[in-house]
Amino acid sequence: MRSVPPLGLTAAASVPPLDASAVTVEEYRGGLAPLAASWEALVEQSHPGAVFRSYAWLSAWWNCFSTGREALVLVARSGEQVVGLLPLYRQCTASAYAR
């Protein structure tokens, strides 16, 4: 199977392929602080990108909007090294189904 970029986008030549040996879903009921060091290690100091990528922004967002939600994070690792993070959340609705 061949990976094809979405319509109108081209693959960036400077982005190395993700070499993840494992991707796990981890729950963080007490907040996202245990991820701070891993998150900051992923930010390129010479090109940090959007502020939304930073742990500081993510933790402030989570502190404001976490009521009634459970933090879930997809964590990609190559060996013991974290190579990718994707924050998600689960929210129970009035119908008792998780979103």
C-alpha atoms as a PDB file:
ATOM      1  CA  MET A   1       0.000   0.000   0.000  1.00  0.00           C
ATOM      2  CA  ARG A   2       1.367   3.411  -0.978  1.00  0.00           C
ATOM      3  CA  SER A   3       0.952   6.510   1.204  1.00  0.00           C
ATOM      4  CA  VAL A   4      -0.516   9.427  -0.746  1.00  0.00           C
ATOM      5  CA  PRO A   5      -0.711  13.001   0.622  1.00  0.00           C
ATOM      6  CA  PRO A   6      -4.220  14.541   0.831  1.00  0.00           C
ATOM      7  CA  LEU A   7      -5.392  16.475  -2.228  1.00  0.00           C
ATOM      8  CA  GLY A   8      -3.725  19.827  -2.642  1.00  0.00           C
ATOM      9  CA  LEU A   9      -0.814  18.965  -0.339  1.00  0.00           C
ATOM     10  CA  THR A  10       2.651  17.698  -1.110  1.00  0.00           C
ATOM     11  CA  ALA A  11       4.844  15.687   1.209  1.00  0.00           C
ATOM     12  CA  ALA A  12       7.595  17.758   2.819  1.00  0.00           C
ATOM     13  CA  ALA A  13      11.021  16.530   1.772  1.00  0.00           C
ATOM     14  CA  SER A  14      12.618  17.640   5.054  1.00  0.00           C
ATOM     15  CA  VAL A  15      10.312  15.634   7.315  1.00  0.00           C
ATOM     16  CA  PRO A  16      11.887  12.317   8.266  1.00  0.00           C
ATOM     17  CA  PRO A  17       9.647   9.247   8.459  1.00  0.00           C
ATOM     18  CA  LEU A  18       8.330   8.377  11.901  1.00  0.00           C
ATOM     19  CA  ASP A  19      10.254   5.391  13.196  1.00  0.00           C
ATOM     20  CA  ALA A  20       7.909   4.227  15.930  1.00  0.00           C
ATOM     21  CA  SER A  21       8.167   0.696  17.214  1.00  0.00           C
ATOM     22  CA  ALA A  22       5.064   1.098  19.400  1.00  0.00           C
ATOM     23  CA  VAL A  23       2.068   3.418  19.657  1.00  0.00           C
ATOM     24  CA  THR A  24       0.059   3.259  22.869  1.00  0.00           C
ATOM     25  CA  VAL A  25      -2.988   5.037  24.284  1.00  0.00           C
ATOM     26  CA  GLU A  26      -2.237   6.332  27.754  1.00  0.00           C
ATOM     27  CA  GLU A  27      -4.685   7.810  30.269  1.00  0.00           C
ATOM     28  CA  TYR A  28      -3.728  10.824  32.373  1.00  0.00           C
ATOM     29  CA  ARG A  29      -6.343  11.303  35.094  1.00  0.00           C
ATOM     30  CA  GLY A  30      -4.251  13.654  37.208  1.00  0.00           C
ATOM     31  CA  GLY A  31      -3.302  16.001  34.382  1.00  0.00           C
ATOM     32  CA  LEU A  32      -0.631  16.039  31.713  1.00  0.00           C
ATOM     33  CA  ALA A  33       2.380  17.008  33.859  1.00  0.00           C
ATOM     34  CA  PRO A  34       4.046  13.566  33.466  1.00  0.00           C
ATOM     35  CA  LEU A  35       4.396  14.360  29.736  1.00  0.00           C
ATOM     36  CA  ALA A  36       6.060  17.778  30.113  1.00  0.00           C
ATOM     37  CA  ALA A  37       9.674  16.671  29.571  1.00  0.00           C
ATOM     38  CA  SER A  38       8.801  14.335  26.669  1.00  0.00           C
ATOM     39  CA  TRP A  39       6.672  17.033  25.047  1.00  0.00           C
ATOM     40  CA  GLU A  40       9.356  19.707  25.272  1.00  0.00           C
ATOM     41  CA  ALA A  41      12.003  17.300  23.943  1.00  0.00           C
ATOM     42  CA  LEU A  42       9.986  16.972  20.711  1.00  0.00           C
ATOM     43  CA  VAL A  43      10.014  20.712  20.003  1.00  0.00           C
ATOM     44  CA  GLU A  44      12.825  21.794  17.695  1.00  0.00           C
ATOM     45  CA  GLN A  45      14.436  24.815  19.322  1.00  0.00           C
ATOM     46  CA  SER A  46      15.455  26.277  15.965  1.00  0.00           C
ATOM     47  CA  HIS A  47      11.911  25.892  14.566  1.00  0.00           C
ATOM     48  CA  PRO A  48       9.356  25.504  17.354  1.00  0.00           C
ATOM     49  CA  GLY A  49       6.365  26.032  15.047  1.00  0.00           C
ATOM     50  CA  ALA A  50       2.978  27.113  16.315  1.00  0.00           C
ATOM     51  CA  VAL A  51       2.471  27.894  19.988  1.00  0.00           C
ATOM     52  CA  PHE A  52      -0.183  25.167  20.035  1.00  0.00           C
ATOM     53  CA  ARG A  53       2.578  22.549  19.847  1.00  0.00           C
ATOM     54  CA  SER A  54       4.080  23.573  23.191  1.00  0.00           C
ATOM     55  CA  TYR A  55       3.467  21.795  26.461  1.00  0.00           C
ATOM     56  CA  ALA A  56       2.824  25.190  28.114  1.00  0.00           C
ATOM     57  CA  TRP A  57      -0.122  25.880  25.801  1.00  0.00           C
ATOM     58  CA  LEU A  58      -1.459  22.327  25.984  1.00  0.00           C
ATOM     59  CA  SER A  59      -1.382  22.212  29.784  1.00  0.00           C
ATOM     60  CA  ALA A  60      -3.114  25.613  30.043  1.00  0.00           C
ATOM     61  CA  TRP A  61      -5.781  24.463  27.569  1.00  0.00           C
ATOM     62  CA  TRP A  62      -6.296  21.228  29.493  1.00  0.00           C
ATOM     63  CA  ASN A  63      -6.561  23.046  32.841  1.00  0.00           C
ATOM     64  CA  CYS A  64      -9.331  25.237  31.407  1.00  0.00           C
ATOM     65  CA  PHE A  65     -11.330  22.593  29.540  1.00  0.00           C
ATOM     66  CA  SER A  66     -10.734  19.316  31.397  1.00  0.00           C
ATOM     67  CA  THR A  67     -13.906  19.326  33.513  1.00  0.00           C
ATOM     68  CA  GLY A  68     -15.920  16.226  32.657  1.00  0.00           C
ATOM     69  CA  ARG A  69     -13.243  14.897  30.318  1.00  0.00           C
ATOM     70  CA  GLU A  70     -10.520  12.276  30.572  1.00  0.00           C
ATOM     71  CA  ALA A  71      -7.121  12.932  28.990  1.00  0.00           C
ATOM     72  CA  LEU A  72      -5.935  10.306  26.536  1.00  0.00           C
ATOM     73  CA  VAL A  73      -2.653  10.632  24.691  1.00  0.00           C
ATOM     74  CA  LEU A  74      -1.371   8.545  21.803  1.00  0.00           C
ATOM     75  CA  VAL A  75       2.321   8.042  22.538  1.00  0.00           C
ATOM     76  CA  ALA A  76       4.639   6.819  19.771  1.00  0.00           C
ATOM     77  CA  ARG A  77       7.950   5.376  20.892  1.00  0.00           C
ATOM     78  CA  SER A  78      11.059   4.109  19.195  1.00  0.00           C
ATOM     79  CA  GLY A  79      12.520   1.893  21.878  1.00  0.00           C
ATOM     80  CA  GLU A  80      12.302   3.960  25.059  1.00  0.00           C
ATOM     81  CA  GLN A  81      12.396   7.343  23.273  1.00  0.00           C
ATOM     82  CA  VAL A  82       9.135   9.233  22.716  1.00  0.00           C
ATOM     83  CA  VAL A  83       8.988  10.260  19.038  1.00  0.00           C
ATOM     84  CA  GLY A  84       5.406  11.529  18.829  1.00  0.00           C
ATOM     85  CA  LEU A  85       2.454  12.624  20.977  1.00  0.00           C
ATOM     86  CA  LEU A  86      -1.182  13.229  20.083  1.00  0.00           C
ATOM     87  CA  PRO A  87      -3.448  14.615  22.825  1.00  0.00           C
ATOM     88  CA  LEU A  88      -7.069  13.472  22.790  1.00  0.00           C
ATOM     89  CA  TYR A  89      -9.844  13.367  25.323  1.00  0.00           C
ATOM     90  CA  ARG A  90     -12.836  11.228  26.163  1.00  0.00           C
ATOM     91  CA  GLN A  91     -16.066  12.812  27.329  1.00  0.00           C
ATOM     92  CA  CYS A  92     -19.158  11.001  28.599  1.00  0.00           C
ATOM     93  CA  THR A  93     -22.403  12.412  27.310  1.00  0.00           C
ATOM     94  CA  ALA A  94     -25.869  12.393  28.852  1.00  0.00           C
ATOM     95  CA  SER A  95     -26.592   9.180  26.957  1.00  0.00           C
ATOM     96  CA  ALA A  96     -23.620   7.590  28.818  1.00  0.00           C
ATOM     97  CA  TYR A  97     -21.701   6.907  25.611  1.00  0.00           C
ATOM     98  CA  ALA A  98     -18.142   8.143  25.396  1.00  0.00           C
ATOM     99  CA  ARG A  99     -17.279  10.524  22.571  1.00  0.00           C
END
